[in-house]
Amino acid sequence: MSLPNIRQALAAEACGTALLVAAVIGSGIMAERLAGGNLAIALLANTIATGAALVALISAFASVSGAHFNPIVTCAEAALGRMAWRRVPAYVVVQVVAAIAGTLIAHIMFEMPLIS
């Protein structure tokens, strides 16, 4: 089984990171709106939605990019020798840009100001 090329890996990291961030922020917004002021219920709903999104995204992208979705995870994988250090800068840049995009997507979905 051959490893995916760097373009495929970066595309997978971008999609996964953006979708994960959008799911975390979006589920937080929705949970807060639906919980009627009960912060414990909002936190529980956000946690369950985040966990489910993470499982789905890891299942979808692990074989392509490693499904890191986070610069710290990427650096840890390289430090443990499971990833080449030469790939780390590209992964980190893609993850940061995709996280910003995911935030904007969530804000658009819930008709919120893009920057708040």
N, C-alpha and C. Protein backbone atom coordinates (compact mmCIF):
# COMPACT_ATOMS: atom_id res chain seq x y z
N MET A 1 0.85 -1.18 0.00
CA MET A 1 0.00 0.00 0.00
C MET A 1 0.89 1.24 0.00
N SER A 2 0.73 2.10 -0.97
CA SER A 2 1.57 3.29 -1.07
C SER A 2 0.96 4.44 -0.28
N LEU A 3 1.85 5.33 0.15
CA LEU A 3 1.39 6.50 0.87
C LEU A 3 0.79 7.51 -0.10
N PRO A 4 -0.25 8.24 0.31
CA PRO A 4 -0.80 9.28 -0.55
C PRO A 4 0.24 10.38 -0.78
N ASN A 5 0.16 11.05 -1.90
CA ASN A 5 1.11 12.13 -2.14
C ASN A 5 0.76 13.33 -1.26
N ILE A 6 1.68 14.27 -1.21
CA ILE A 6 1.51 15.41 -0.31
C ILE A 6 0.28 16.24 -0.66
N ARG A 7 -0.05 16.38 -1.92
CA ARG A 7 -1.25 17.16 -2.29
C ARG A 7 -2.51 16.50 -1.76
N GLN A 8 -2.61 15.19 -1.88
CA GLN A 8 -3.78 14.48 -1.36
C GLN A 8 -3.84 14.62 0.16
N ALA A 9 -2.70 14.48 0.80
CA ALA A 9 -2.65 14.59 2.26
C ALA A 9 -3.06 15.98 2.73
N LEU A 10 -2.55 17.00 2.06
CA LEU A 10 -2.89 18.37 2.45
C LEU A 10 -4.35 18.69 2.17
N ALA A 11 -4.88 18.18 1.08
CA ALA A 11 -6.31 18.39 0.79
C ALA A 11 -7.17 17.72 1.87
N ALA A 12 -6.78 16.52 2.28
CA ALA A 12 -7.52 15.81 3.33
C ALA A 12 -7.44 16.56 4.65
N GLU A 13 -6.26 17.06 4.99
CA GLU A 13 -6.10 17.83 6.22
C GLU A 13 -6.93 19.11 6.18
N ALA A 14 -6.95 19.77 5.02
CA ALA A 14 -7.73 21.01 4.89
C ALA A 14 -9.22 20.73 5.07
N CYS A 15 -9.72 19.73 4.36
CA CYS A 15 -11.15 19.39 4.48
C CYS A 15 -11.49 18.96 5.90
N GLY A 16 -10.69 18.08 6.45
CA GLY A 16 -10.97 17.57 7.79
C GLY A 16 -10.91 18.64 8.85
N THR A 17 -9.89 19.50 8.79
CA THR A 17 -9.75 20.56 9.78
C THR A 17 -10.90 21.56 9.68
N ALA A 18 -11.22 21.98 8.46
CA ALA A 18 -12.32 22.94 8.28
C ALA A 18 -13.64 22.36 8.78
N LEU A 19 -13.91 21.11 8.42
CA LEU A 19 -15.16 20.48 8.85
C LEU A 19 -15.21 20.28 10.36
N LEU A 20 -14.08 19.89 10.96
CA LEU A 20 -14.05 19.70 12.41
C LEU A 20 -14.29 21.02 13.14
N VAL A 21 -13.60 22.06 12.73
CA VAL A 21 -13.79 23.36 13.38
C VAL A 21 -15.22 23.86 13.19
N ALA A 22 -15.75 23.71 11.98
CA ALA A 22 -17.14 24.12 11.75
C ALA A 22 -18.10 23.32 12.62
N ALA A 23 -17.84 22.03 12.80
CA ALA A 23 -18.69 21.19 13.65
C ALA A 23 -18.60 21.60 15.11
N VAL A 24 -17.39 21.88 15.59
CA VAL A 24 -17.22 22.27 16.99
C VAL A 24 -17.91 23.61 17.26
N ILE A 25 -17.64 24.59 16.43
CA ILE A 25 -18.24 25.92 16.64
C ILE A 25 -19.74 25.87 16.38
N GLY A 26 -20.14 25.23 15.30
CA GLY A 26 -21.56 25.14 14.97
C GLY A 26 -22.37 24.41 16.03
N SER A 27 -21.83 23.31 16.53
CA SER A 27 -22.56 22.58 17.57
C SER A 27 -22.61 23.37 18.87
N GLY A 28 -21.57 24.16 19.12
CA GLY A 28 -21.59 25.01 20.30
C GLY A 28 -22.65 26.10 20.20
N ILE A 29 -22.74 26.71 19.03
CA ILE A 29 -23.76 27.74 18.82
C ILE A 29 -25.15 27.14 18.93
N MET A 30 -25.36 26.02 18.26
CA MET A 30 -26.68 25.39 18.28
C MET A 30 -27.05 24.91 19.68
N ALA A 31 -26.09 24.31 20.38
CA ALA A 31 -26.36 23.83 21.73
C ALA A 31 -26.73 24.98 22.65
N GLU A 32 -26.02 26.09 22.54
CA GLU A 32 -26.32 27.24 23.38
C GLU A 32 -27.72 27.78 23.09
N ARG A 33 -28.09 27.79 21.82
CA ARG A 33 -29.42 28.30 21.44
C ARG A 33 -30.54 27.38 21.91
N LEU A 34 -30.30 26.08 21.91
CA LEU A 34 -31.35 25.12 22.24
C LEU A 34 -31.42 24.74 23.71
N ALA A 35 -30.37 25.02 24.48
CA ALA A 35 -30.29 24.55 25.86
C ALA A 35 -31.08 25.40 26.84
N GLY A 36 -31.60 26.51 26.40
CA GLY A 36 -32.42 27.34 27.29
C GLY A 36 -31.68 27.84 28.51
N GLY A 37 -30.40 28.16 28.36
CA GLY A 37 -29.62 28.67 29.48
C GLY A 37 -28.96 27.63 30.34
N ASN A 38 -29.24 26.36 30.11
CA ASN A 38 -28.63 25.29 30.89
C ASN A 38 -27.26 24.97 30.28
N LEU A 39 -26.20 25.51 30.88
CA LEU A 39 -24.86 25.37 30.32
C LEU A 39 -24.38 23.93 30.33
N ALA A 40 -24.81 23.14 31.32
CA ALA A 40 -24.40 21.74 31.38
C ALA A 40 -24.94 20.97 30.17
N ILE A 41 -26.19 21.21 29.84
CA ILE A 41 -26.80 20.56 28.67
C ILE A 41 -26.12 21.02 27.40
N ALA A 42 -25.83 22.31 27.30
CA ALA A 42 -25.15 22.85 26.12
C ALA A 42 -23.78 22.22 25.96
N LEU A 43 -23.04 22.10 27.05
CA LEU A 43 -21.71 21.49 27.00
C LEU A 43 -21.79 20.02 26.61
N LEU A 44 -22.76 19.31 27.17
CA LEU A 44 -22.93 17.89 26.83
C LEU A 44 -23.26 17.72 25.35
N ALA A 45 -24.17 18.52 24.85
CA ALA A 45 -24.56 18.43 23.43
C ALA A 45 -23.37 18.76 22.53
N ASN A 46 -22.62 19.78 22.89
CA ASN A 46 -21.44 20.17 22.10
C ASN A 46 -20.38 19.07 22.13
N THR A 47 -20.18 18.46 23.27
CA THR A 47 -19.19 17.39 23.40
C THR A 47 -19.56 16.17 22.57
N ILE A 48 -20.81 15.78 22.62
CA ILE A 48 -21.26 14.61 21.85
C ILE A 48 -21.14 14.88 20.35
N ALA A 49 -21.57 16.06 19.92
CA ALA A 49 -21.49 16.40 18.50
C ALA A 49 -20.03 16.48 18.03
N THR A 50 -19.18 17.06 18.85
CA THR A 50 -17.76 17.15 18.51
C THR A 50 -17.13 15.77 18.40
N GLY A 51 -17.42 14.92 19.36
CA GLY A 51 -16.88 13.56 19.34
C GLY A 51 -17.34 12.78 18.12
N ALA A 52 -18.60 12.90 17.79
CA ALA A 52 -19.13 12.20 16.62
C ALA A 52 -18.49 12.71 15.34
N ALA A 53 -18.33 14.03 15.23
CA ALA A 53 -17.69 14.60 14.04
C ALA A 53 -16.25 14.13 13.94
N LEU A 54 -15.55 14.11 15.06
CA LEU A 54 -14.15 13.70 15.06
C LEU A 54 -14.00 12.24 14.63
N VAL A 55 -14.84 11.36 15.15
CA VAL A 55 -14.79 9.95 14.75
C VAL A 55 -15.04 9.81 13.25
N ALA A 56 -16.04 10.50 12.74
CA ALA A 56 -16.35 10.42 11.31
C ALA A 56 -15.20 10.94 10.46
N LEU A 57 -14.63 12.06 10.85
CA LEU A 57 -13.54 12.66 10.06
C LEU A 57 -12.27 11.82 10.12
N ILE A 58 -11.96 11.28 11.28
CA ILE A 58 -10.78 10.40 11.39
C ILE A 58 -10.99 9.16 10.52
N SER A 59 -12.17 8.59 10.58
CA SER A 59 -12.46 7.42 9.75
C SER A 59 -12.32 7.73 8.27
N ALA A 60 -12.73 8.92 7.87
CA ALA A 60 -12.69 9.29 6.46
C ALA A 60 -11.29 9.64 5.97
N PHE A 61 -10.48 10.29 6.80
CA PHE A 61 -9.22 10.85 6.33
C PHE A 61 -7.94 10.23 6.89
N ALA A 62 -8.05 9.33 7.84
CA ALA A 62 -6.83 8.77 8.46
C ALA A 62 -5.91 8.10 7.45
N SER A 63 -6.47 7.39 6.51
CA SER A 63 -5.62 6.67 5.56
C SER A 63 -4.98 7.60 4.52
N VAL A 64 -5.50 8.82 4.40
CA VAL A 64 -4.96 9.75 3.41
C VAL A 64 -3.92 10.68 4.01
N SER A 65 -4.21 11.24 5.18
CA SER A 65 -3.33 12.26 5.75
C SER A 65 -2.87 11.96 7.17
N GLY A 66 -3.43 10.95 7.79
CA GLY A 66 -3.18 10.72 9.21
C GLY A 66 -4.24 11.35 10.09
N ALA A 67 -5.06 12.21 9.51
CA ALA A 67 -6.18 12.86 10.21
C ALA A 67 -5.72 13.56 11.48
N HIS A 68 -4.73 14.43 11.34
CA HIS A 68 -4.22 15.16 12.51
C HIS A 68 -5.16 16.30 12.88
N PHE A 69 -5.48 17.16 11.92
CA PHE A 69 -6.40 18.29 12.08
C PHE A 69 -5.96 19.30 13.14
N ASN A 70 -4.69 19.25 13.56
CA ASN A 70 -4.22 20.08 14.65
C ASN A 70 -2.69 20.15 14.57
N PRO A 71 -2.11 21.34 14.59
CA PRO A 71 -0.65 21.44 14.50
C PRO A 71 0.09 20.71 15.61
N ILE A 72 -0.46 20.66 16.81
CA ILE A 72 0.21 19.96 17.91
C ILE A 72 0.26 18.46 17.63
N VAL A 73 -0.82 17.91 17.11
CA VAL A 73 -0.84 16.49 16.76
C VAL A 73 0.18 16.22 15.65
N THR A 74 0.24 17.09 14.67
CA THR A 74 1.19 16.94 13.58
C THR A 74 2.62 16.94 14.12
N CYS A 75 2.95 17.88 14.99
CA CYS A 75 4.30 17.94 15.57
C CYS A 75 4.59 16.71 16.43
N ALA A 76 3.59 16.24 17.15
CA ALA A 76 3.78 15.04 17.97
C ALA A 76 4.04 13.82 17.09
N GLU A 77 3.32 13.70 16.00
CA GLU A 77 3.53 12.59 15.07
C GLU A 77 4.94 12.62 14.49
N ALA A 78 5.43 13.81 14.14
CA ALA A 78 6.79 13.93 13.62
C ALA A 78 7.81 13.61 14.70
N ALA A 79 7.58 14.11 15.92
CA ALA A 79 8.51 13.85 17.03
C ALA A 79 8.59 12.36 17.36
N LEU A 80 7.49 11.65 17.16
CA LEU A 80 7.48 10.21 17.42
C LEU A 80 7.99 9.40 16.23
N GLY A 81 8.36 10.08 15.15
CA GLY A 81 8.91 9.41 13.99
C GLY A 81 7.88 8.79 13.06
N ARG A 82 6.63 9.14 13.24
CA ARG A 82 5.56 8.58 12.40
C ARG A 82 5.23 9.46 11.20
N MET A 83 5.96 10.57 11.08
CA MET A 83 5.75 11.51 9.98
C MET A 83 7.06 12.22 9.72
N ALA A 84 7.34 12.50 8.47
CA ALA A 84 8.57 13.22 8.12
C ALA A 84 8.45 14.69 8.53
N TRP A 85 9.49 15.22 9.15
CA TRP A 85 9.49 16.61 9.57
C TRP A 85 9.33 17.57 8.39
N ARG A 86 9.78 17.15 7.22
CA ARG A 86 9.68 18.05 6.05
C ARG A 86 8.23 18.34 5.68
N ARG A 87 7.29 17.49 6.10
CA ARG A 87 5.86 17.71 5.82
C ARG A 87 5.19 18.62 6.84
N VAL A 88 5.80 18.80 7.99
CA VAL A 88 5.17 19.53 9.09
C VAL A 88 4.79 20.96 8.72
N PRO A 89 5.69 21.78 8.14
CA PRO A 89 5.28 23.16 7.84
C PRO A 89 4.06 23.26 6.93
N ALA A 90 4.01 22.44 5.91
CA ALA A 90 2.85 22.48 5.00
C ALA A 90 1.58 22.07 5.73
N TYR A 91 1.65 21.02 6.54
CA TYR A 91 0.49 20.58 7.30
C TYR A 91 -0.01 21.71 8.21
N VAL A 92 0.92 22.34 8.93
CA VAL A 92 0.53 23.37 9.89
C VAL A 92 -0.12 24.56 9.19
N VAL A 93 0.46 25.02 8.09
CA VAL A 93 -0.14 26.13 7.35
C VAL A 93 -1.54 25.77 6.88
N VAL A 94 -1.70 24.59 6.30
CA VAL A 94 -3.02 24.16 5.81
C VAL A 94 -4.01 24.05 6.97
N GLN A 95 -3.58 23.51 8.10
CA GLN A 95 -4.47 23.37 9.25
C GLN A 95 -4.94 24.72 9.78
N VAL A 96 -4.03 25.68 9.87
CA VAL A 96 -4.41 27.00 10.39
C VAL A 96 -5.37 27.70 9.43
N VAL A 97 -5.06 27.69 8.15
CA VAL A 97 -5.94 28.33 7.16
C VAL A 97 -7.30 27.64 7.13
N ALA A 98 -7.32 26.32 7.19
CA ALA A 98 -8.58 25.56 7.17
C ALA A 98 -9.39 25.81 8.44
N ALA A 99 -8.72 25.98 9.58
CA ALA A 99 -9.44 26.27 10.82
C ALA A 99 -10.13 27.63 10.73
N ILE A 100 -9.45 28.59 10.16
CA ILE A 100 -10.07 29.91 9.96
C ILE A 100 -11.26 29.78 9.02
N ALA A 101 -11.10 29.02 7.95
CA ALA A 101 -12.21 28.80 7.02
C ALA A 101 -13.38 28.11 7.71
N GLY A 102 -13.10 27.12 8.53
CA GLY A 102 -14.16 26.42 9.27
C GLY A 102 -14.91 27.35 10.20
N THR A 103 -14.19 28.27 10.83
CA THR A 103 -14.83 29.27 11.70
C THR A 103 -15.77 30.15 10.89
N LEU A 104 -15.29 30.62 9.75
CA LEU A 104 -16.13 31.47 8.90
C LEU A 104 -17.36 30.70 8.40
N ILE A 105 -17.17 29.44 8.06
CA ILE A 105 -18.30 28.61 7.59
C ILE A 105 -19.36 28.50 8.69
N ALA A 106 -18.93 28.22 9.91
CA ALA A 106 -19.89 28.10 11.02
C ALA A 106 -20.63 29.41 11.25
N HIS A 107 -19.90 30.52 11.18
CA HIS A 107 -20.55 31.81 11.39
C HIS A 107 -21.55 32.12 10.28
N ILE A 108 -21.21 31.75 9.06
CA ILE A 108 -22.15 31.94 7.95
C ILE A 108 -23.39 31.07 8.14
N MET A 109 -23.19 29.81 8.54
CA MET A 109 -24.33 28.89 8.73
C MET A 109 -25.33 29.42 9.74
N PHE A 110 -24.82 30.09 10.79
CA PHE A 110 -25.70 30.55 11.86
C PHE A 110 -25.95 32.06 11.79
N GLU A 111 -25.69 32.64 10.61
CA GLU A 111 -25.96 34.06 10.36
C GLU A 111 -25.39 34.96 11.45
N MET A 112 -24.13 34.69 11.79
CA MET A 112 -23.43 35.49 12.77
C MET A 112 -22.40 36.36 12.05
N PRO A 113 -21.92 37.42 12.71
CA PRO A 113 -20.85 38.20 12.10
C PRO A 113 -19.64 37.28 11.83
N LEU A 114 -18.99 37.48 10.71
CA LEU A 114 -17.86 36.62 10.37
C LEU A 114 -16.76 36.67 11.42
N ILE A 115 -16.49 37.84 11.92
CA ILE A 115 -15.47 38.02 12.95
C ILE A 115 -16.17 38.51 14.21
N SER A 116 -16.06 37.73 15.27
CA SER A 116 -16.68 38.16 16.53
C SER A 116 -15.90 37.62 17.70
